[in-house]
Amino acid sequence: MSMNDLAEREERPAYVEFEARPVTDKAASLAAGMNVSVDEHWALVTPPYSKDRVEQKVTTWFKNLEFNAKNNRIPQAWVKMYHDAYEAWKTGQEIPLDGTPIRNWAIPSPSQVKNLLGAGMKTVEDLALCNDEGLRRLGMGGMDLRNKAKAYLASASSVVTENAALKNEISQLQGSLESMQQQINIMVNQGARVVEVPEVPRETISASDIMDEAPKKAVPKGFGVPAVQDPTLVAAYIDKFGKKPNHLAKDATIRKKLEE
């Protein structure tokens, strides 16, 4: 509960305990010819900072609560809280407190905790909203405890606000990371796309096909592509002339030289 919530509420909800009391079921007793008892549920209501306790049948008490809520005498949320408390009691569960239990608050000493509970202050929120009557019941040190309770709730509210801001920031960062990951996945998928090329059987490809497809480059004057010469003609040329034929000379040219 934040300090804003405390400021909006001028009073704390009353504490309630429930009790099952045996009562005689007259109709069942007449039919059975003996006393037949049934359980009747009662609400034991203690206003905040008070020792007085009001006892009512649960059905009557809830009718009064609904009436007061419709007339804006109490918040509607209190009615739901009391209904939840009643259902918890019927199933054997402990009735939850509306706020931070005084027993779990580390600031007061054991004797102060006992005094606070005796004064009807079971939560830190009760103490923070303690009225003058409650302070008188606490006696010396009551004002200091109330100030500490207010400071504690203000600090807790600040932490809750900061945590909410951090959670929001983390959520936004996670959204940005997911968006970036999606973009990366799209880029990877686009870059990995394979273009299918019709397969050409190996036996249909020849060296001449490759040479025909190779780009033709201009050959500077005085240079040329070495000719593929017949080794027998080359050997005969060396025997006759004592040197190899020109590397550009074709077989026909070498043969002509040998015949001269």
Protein backbone atom coordinates (compact mmCIF):
# COMPACT_ATOMS: atom_id res chain seq x y z
CA MET A 1 0.00 0.00 0.00
CA SER A 2 1.39 3.39 -1.00
CA MET A 3 1.23 6.68 0.91
CA ASN A 4 -1.25 7.94 -1.69
CA ASP A 5 -3.56 5.09 -0.75
CA LEU A 6 -3.18 6.00 2.90
CA ALA A 7 -3.93 9.65 2.20
CA GLU A 8 -7.15 8.73 0.39
CA ARG A 9 -8.39 6.58 3.25
CA GLU A 10 -9.41 8.37 6.42
CA GLU A 11 -9.78 5.16 8.39
CA ARG A 12 -8.71 1.57 8.42
CA PRO A 13 -11.08 -1.36 8.07
CA ALA A 14 -12.25 -3.03 11.25
CA TYR A 15 -10.75 -6.37 12.22
CA VAL A 16 -13.04 -9.35 12.12
CA GLU A 17 -12.90 -12.83 13.55
CA PHE A 18 -15.43 -15.55 12.86
CA GLU A 19 -16.85 -18.04 15.29
CA ALA A 20 -19.17 -21.02 15.01
CA ARG A 21 -21.67 -21.18 17.84
CA PRO A 22 -24.01 -24.12 18.51
CA VAL A 23 -27.70 -23.25 18.47
CA THR A 24 -30.77 -25.43 18.74
CA ASP A 25 -32.56 -26.28 15.52
CA LYS A 26 -36.17 -26.24 16.76
CA ALA A 27 -37.70 -27.89 13.70
CA ALA A 28 -35.10 -30.66 13.65
CA SER A 29 -35.42 -31.13 17.42
CA LEU A 30 -39.25 -31.53 17.22
CA ALA A 31 -38.91 -34.00 14.36
CA ALA A 32 -36.24 -36.04 16.16
CA GLY A 33 -37.86 -35.82 19.59
CA MET A 34 -34.54 -34.66 20.99
CA ASN A 35 -32.32 -31.58 21.00
CA VAL A 36 -30.56 -31.10 17.68
CA SER A 37 -27.87 -28.42 17.45
CA VAL A 38 -26.41 -26.76 14.38
CA ASP A 39 -23.52 -24.33 13.92
CA GLU A 40 -24.35 -20.67 13.50
CA HIS A 41 -21.60 -18.36 12.22
CA TRP A 42 -20.94 -15.08 13.95
CA ALA A 43 -18.71 -12.14 13.06
CA LEU A 44 -16.70 -10.59 15.92
CA VAL A 45 -15.83 -7.09 14.71
CA THR A 46 -13.29 -4.81 16.41
CA PRO A 47 -13.04 -1.22 15.12
CA PRO A 48 -9.48 0.06 14.60
CA TYR A 49 -7.69 1.39 17.70
CA SER A 50 -10.53 0.20 19.93
CA LYS A 51 -11.03 -2.50 22.52
CA ASP A 52 -14.76 -2.63 21.90
CA ARG A 53 -16.07 -5.59 19.92
CA VAL A 54 -19.36 -5.88 18.10
CA GLU A 55 -20.86 -9.35 17.59
CA GLN A 56 -23.35 -10.08 14.82
CA LYS A 57 -24.59 -13.05 12.86
CA VAL A 58 -22.58 -13.30 9.66
CA THR A 59 -25.65 -12.98 7.46
CA THR A 60 -26.80 -9.83 9.27
CA TRP A 61 -23.30 -8.35 9.28
CA PHE A 62 -22.85 -8.80 5.52
CA LYS A 63 -26.25 -7.16 4.89
CA ASN A 64 -25.10 -4.15 6.92
CA LEU A 65 -21.81 -4.03 5.01
CA GLU A 66 -23.58 -3.98 1.64
CA PHE A 67 -25.87 -1.21 2.85
CA ASN A 68 -22.96 0.90 4.08
CA ALA A 69 -21.03 0.37 0.85
CA LYS A 70 -24.03 1.46 -1.27
CA ASN A 71 -24.27 4.62 0.82
CA ASN A 72 -20.49 5.28 0.47
CA ARG A 73 -19.88 4.82 4.16
CA ILE A 74 -17.22 2.23 3.49
CA PRO A 75 -15.30 1.32 0.30
CA GLN A 76 -16.82 -1.47 -1.78
CA ALA A 77 -13.40 -3.16 -1.74
CA TRP A 78 -13.80 -3.76 1.97
CA VAL A 79 -16.92 -5.83 1.38
CA LYS A 80 -15.01 -8.14 -0.98
CA MET A 81 -12.11 -8.32 1.47
CA TYR A 82 -14.45 -9.46 4.27
CA HIS A 83 -16.13 -12.03 2.02
CA ASP A 84 -12.68 -13.43 1.12
CA ALA A 85 -11.78 -13.52 4.81
CA TYR A 86 -14.97 -15.41 5.61
CA GLU A 87 -14.35 -17.98 2.89
CA ALA A 88 -10.77 -18.43 4.11
CA TRP A 89 -12.02 -19.03 7.68
CA LYS A 90 -14.58 -21.62 6.53
CA THR A 91 -11.82 -23.63 4.82
CA GLY A 92 -9.58 -23.49 7.87
CA GLN A 93 -7.18 -20.91 6.45
CA GLU A 94 -5.75 -17.97 8.34
CA ILE A 95 -7.58 -14.71 7.66
CA PRO A 96 -5.19 -12.46 5.69
CA LEU A 97 -4.39 -9.00 7.01
CA ASP A 98 -4.93 -5.85 4.99
CA GLY A 99 -1.37 -4.57 4.94
CA THR A 100 2.09 -5.39 6.31
CA PRO A 101 1.82 -7.40 9.56
CA ILE A 102 3.32 -5.70 12.60
CA ARG A 103 4.83 -9.07 13.59
CA ASN A 104 6.90 -9.06 10.38
CA TRP A 105 8.11 -5.47 10.81
CA ALA A 106 11.71 -5.38 12.02
CA ILE A 107 11.66 -1.88 13.54
CA PRO A 108 9.71 -2.25 16.82
CA SER A 109 11.03 -4.22 19.78
CA PRO A 110 9.16 -7.30 21.04
CA SER A 111 7.53 -5.26 23.81
CA GLN A 112 6.47 -2.58 21.34
CA VAL A 113 4.98 -5.25 19.03
CA LYS A 114 2.97 -6.54 22.01
CA ASN A 115 1.75 -3.01 22.81
CA LEU A 116 0.82 -2.35 19.20
CA LEU A 117 -1.18 -5.55 18.92
CA GLY A 118 -2.84 -4.79 22.25
CA ALA A 119 -3.85 -1.38 20.91
CA GLY A 120 -5.53 -3.02 17.90
CA MET A 121 -2.78 -2.20 15.41
CA LYS A 122 -1.98 -5.38 13.54
CA THR A 123 -0.38 -3.82 10.48
CA VAL A 124 2.12 -1.06 9.70
CA GLU A 125 -0.65 0.70 7.80
CA ASP A 126 -2.77 0.76 10.95
CA LEU A 127 0.06 2.41 12.84
CA ALA A 128 0.74 4.96 10.07
CA LEU A 129 -2.92 6.07 10.18
CA CYS A 130 -3.18 5.88 13.95
CA ASN A 131 -5.48 8.55 15.37
CA ASP A 132 -5.08 10.44 18.64
CA GLU A 133 -6.98 7.80 20.56
CA GLY A 134 -4.64 5.13 19.27
CA LEU A 135 -1.58 7.19 20.18
CA ARG A 136 -2.87 7.61 23.73
CA ARG A 137 -3.25 3.87 24.01
CA LEU A 138 0.34 3.37 22.82
CA GLY A 139 1.67 5.83 25.37
CA MET A 140 5.26 7.12 25.29
CA GLY A 141 7.00 6.50 21.99
CA GLY A 142 3.75 6.14 20.06
CA MET A 143 4.34 9.27 17.97
CA ASP A 144 7.85 8.13 17.03
CA LEU A 145 6.58 4.70 15.97
CA ARG A 146 3.87 6.28 13.84
CA ASN A 147 6.45 8.48 12.06
CA LYS A 148 8.64 5.44 11.44
CA ALA A 149 5.65 3.58 10.01
CA LYS A 150 4.92 6.45 7.60
CA ALA A 151 8.58 6.61 6.53
CA TYR A 152 8.67 2.85 6.03
CA LEU A 153 5.60 2.86 3.80
CA ALA A 154 6.89 5.85 1.83
CA SER A 155 10.18 4.04 1.23
CA ALA A 156 8.39 0.84 0.25
CA SER A 157 6.18 2.78 -2.15
CA SER A 158 9.28 4.34 -3.76
CA VAL A 159 10.87 0.93 -4.21
CA VAL A 160 7.68 -0.44 -5.80
CA THR A 161 7.58 2.52 -8.20
CA GLU A 162 11.23 2.06 -9.15
CA ASN A 163 10.73 -1.67 -9.66
CA ALA A 164 7.74 -1.00 -11.90
CA ALA A 165 9.82 1.45 -13.96
CA LEU A 166 12.65 -1.08 -14.26
CA LYS A 167 10.25 -3.83 -15.33
CA ASN A 168 8.82 -1.52 -17.97
CA GLU A 169 12.30 -0.64 -19.23
CA ILE A 170 13.31 -4.31 -19.35
CA SER A 171 10.13 -5.13 -21.25
CA GLN A 172 10.90 -2.44 -23.82
CA LEU A 173 14.48 -3.69 -24.22
CA GLN A 174 13.27 -7.24 -24.70
CA GLY A 175 10.85 -6.02 -27.36
CA SER A 176 13.67 -4.19 -29.16
CA LEU A 177 15.91 -7.28 -29.01
CA GLU A 178 13.15 -9.48 -30.40
CA SER A 179 12.57 -7.00 -33.23
CA MET A 180 16.30 -6.92 -34.03
CA GLN A 181 16.46 -10.72 -33.96
CA GLN A 182 13.57 -10.92 -36.42
CA GLN A 183 15.33 -8.50 -38.78
CA ILE A 184 18.56 -10.52 -38.52
CA ASN A 185 16.67 -13.72 -39.27
CA ILE A 186 15.10 -12.12 -42.36
CA MET A 187 18.51 -10.91 -43.60
CA VAL A 188 20.07 -14.33 -43.04
CA ASN A 189 17.25 -16.06 -44.87
CA GLN A 190 17.54 -13.68 -47.80
CA GLY A 191 21.33 -14.07 -47.98
CA ALA A 192 21.15 -17.85 -47.86
CA ARG A 193 18.77 -18.13 -50.80
CA VAL A 194 20.19 -20.60 -53.42
CA VAL A 195 19.74 -20.10 -57.16
CA GLU A 196 19.35 -23.44 -58.90
CA VAL A 197 21.48 -23.91 -62.06
CA PRO A 198 20.60 -26.66 -64.55
CA GLU A 199 23.19 -29.42 -64.31
CA VAL A 200 25.18 -30.12 -67.51
CA PRO A 201 26.47 -33.69 -68.02
CA ARG A 202 30.24 -33.85 -67.75
CA GLU A 203 30.72 -35.80 -71.01
CA THR A 204 29.16 -32.97 -73.05
CA ILE A 205 31.77 -30.42 -71.91
CA SER A 206 35.05 -30.25 -73.83
CA ALA A 207 38.15 -28.11 -73.69
CA SER A 208 37.15 -26.43 -76.91
CA ASP A 209 33.78 -25.51 -75.39
CA ILE A 210 35.56 -23.86 -72.50
CA MET A 211 37.96 -22.02 -74.81
CA ASP A 212 35.11 -20.87 -77.01
CA GLU A 213 33.28 -19.48 -73.97
CA ALA A 214 36.41 -17.82 -72.54
CA PRO A 215 36.58 -14.06 -73.10
CA LYS A 216 38.85 -13.04 -75.99
CA LYS A 217 41.58 -10.62 -74.95
CA ALA A 218 43.53 -8.44 -77.33
CA VAL A 219 47.16 -9.63 -77.75
CA PRO A 220 49.75 -6.83 -78.02
CA LYS A 221 51.77 -6.72 -81.23
CA GLY A 222 54.89 -8.92 -81.09
CA PHE A 223 53.27 -11.32 -78.66
CA GLY A 224 51.17 -14.36 -79.28
CA VAL A 225 49.88 -17.56 -77.81
CA PRO A 226 52.50 -20.38 -77.83
CA ALA A 227 51.66 -23.05 -80.39
CA VAL A 228 51.19 -26.72 -79.47
CA GLN A 229 54.14 -28.27 -81.39
CA ASP A 230 54.73 -31.91 -82.40
CA PRO A 231 57.62 -33.24 -80.24
CA THR A 232 59.02 -35.26 -83.18
CA LEU A 233 59.25 -32.15 -85.38
CA VAL A 234 60.84 -30.21 -82.52
CA ALA A 235 63.52 -32.89 -82.04
CA ALA A 236 64.28 -32.96 -85.79
CA TYR A 237 64.49 -29.16 -85.83
CA ILE A 238 67.01 -29.21 -82.96
CA ASP A 239 69.14 -31.87 -84.76
CA LYS A 240 69.26 -29.78 -87.94
CA PHE A 241 69.51 -26.25 -86.57
CA GLY A 242 70.92 -26.83 -83.05
CA LYS A 243 68.11 -24.91 -81.37
CA LYS A 244 64.42 -25.11 -80.69
CA PRO A 245 61.95 -23.64 -83.18
CA ASN A 246 60.17 -20.40 -82.37
CA HIS A 247 57.60 -21.08 -79.73
CA LEU A 248 54.97 -19.44 -81.90
CA ALA A 249 55.77 -21.59 -84.95
CA LYS A 250 53.14 -24.05 -85.99
CA ASP A 251 53.88 -27.63 -87.14
CA ALA A 252 53.44 -26.69 -90.81
CA THR A 253 56.03 -23.92 -90.50
CA ILE A 254 58.52 -26.24 -88.75
CA ARG A 255 58.03 -28.95 -91.37
CA LYS A 256 58.62 -26.38 -94.15
CA LYS A 257 61.88 -25.27 -92.49
CA LEU A 258 63.09 -28.85 -92.27
CA GLU A 259 62.41 -29.41 -95.99
CA GLU A 260 64.43 -26.39 -97.11
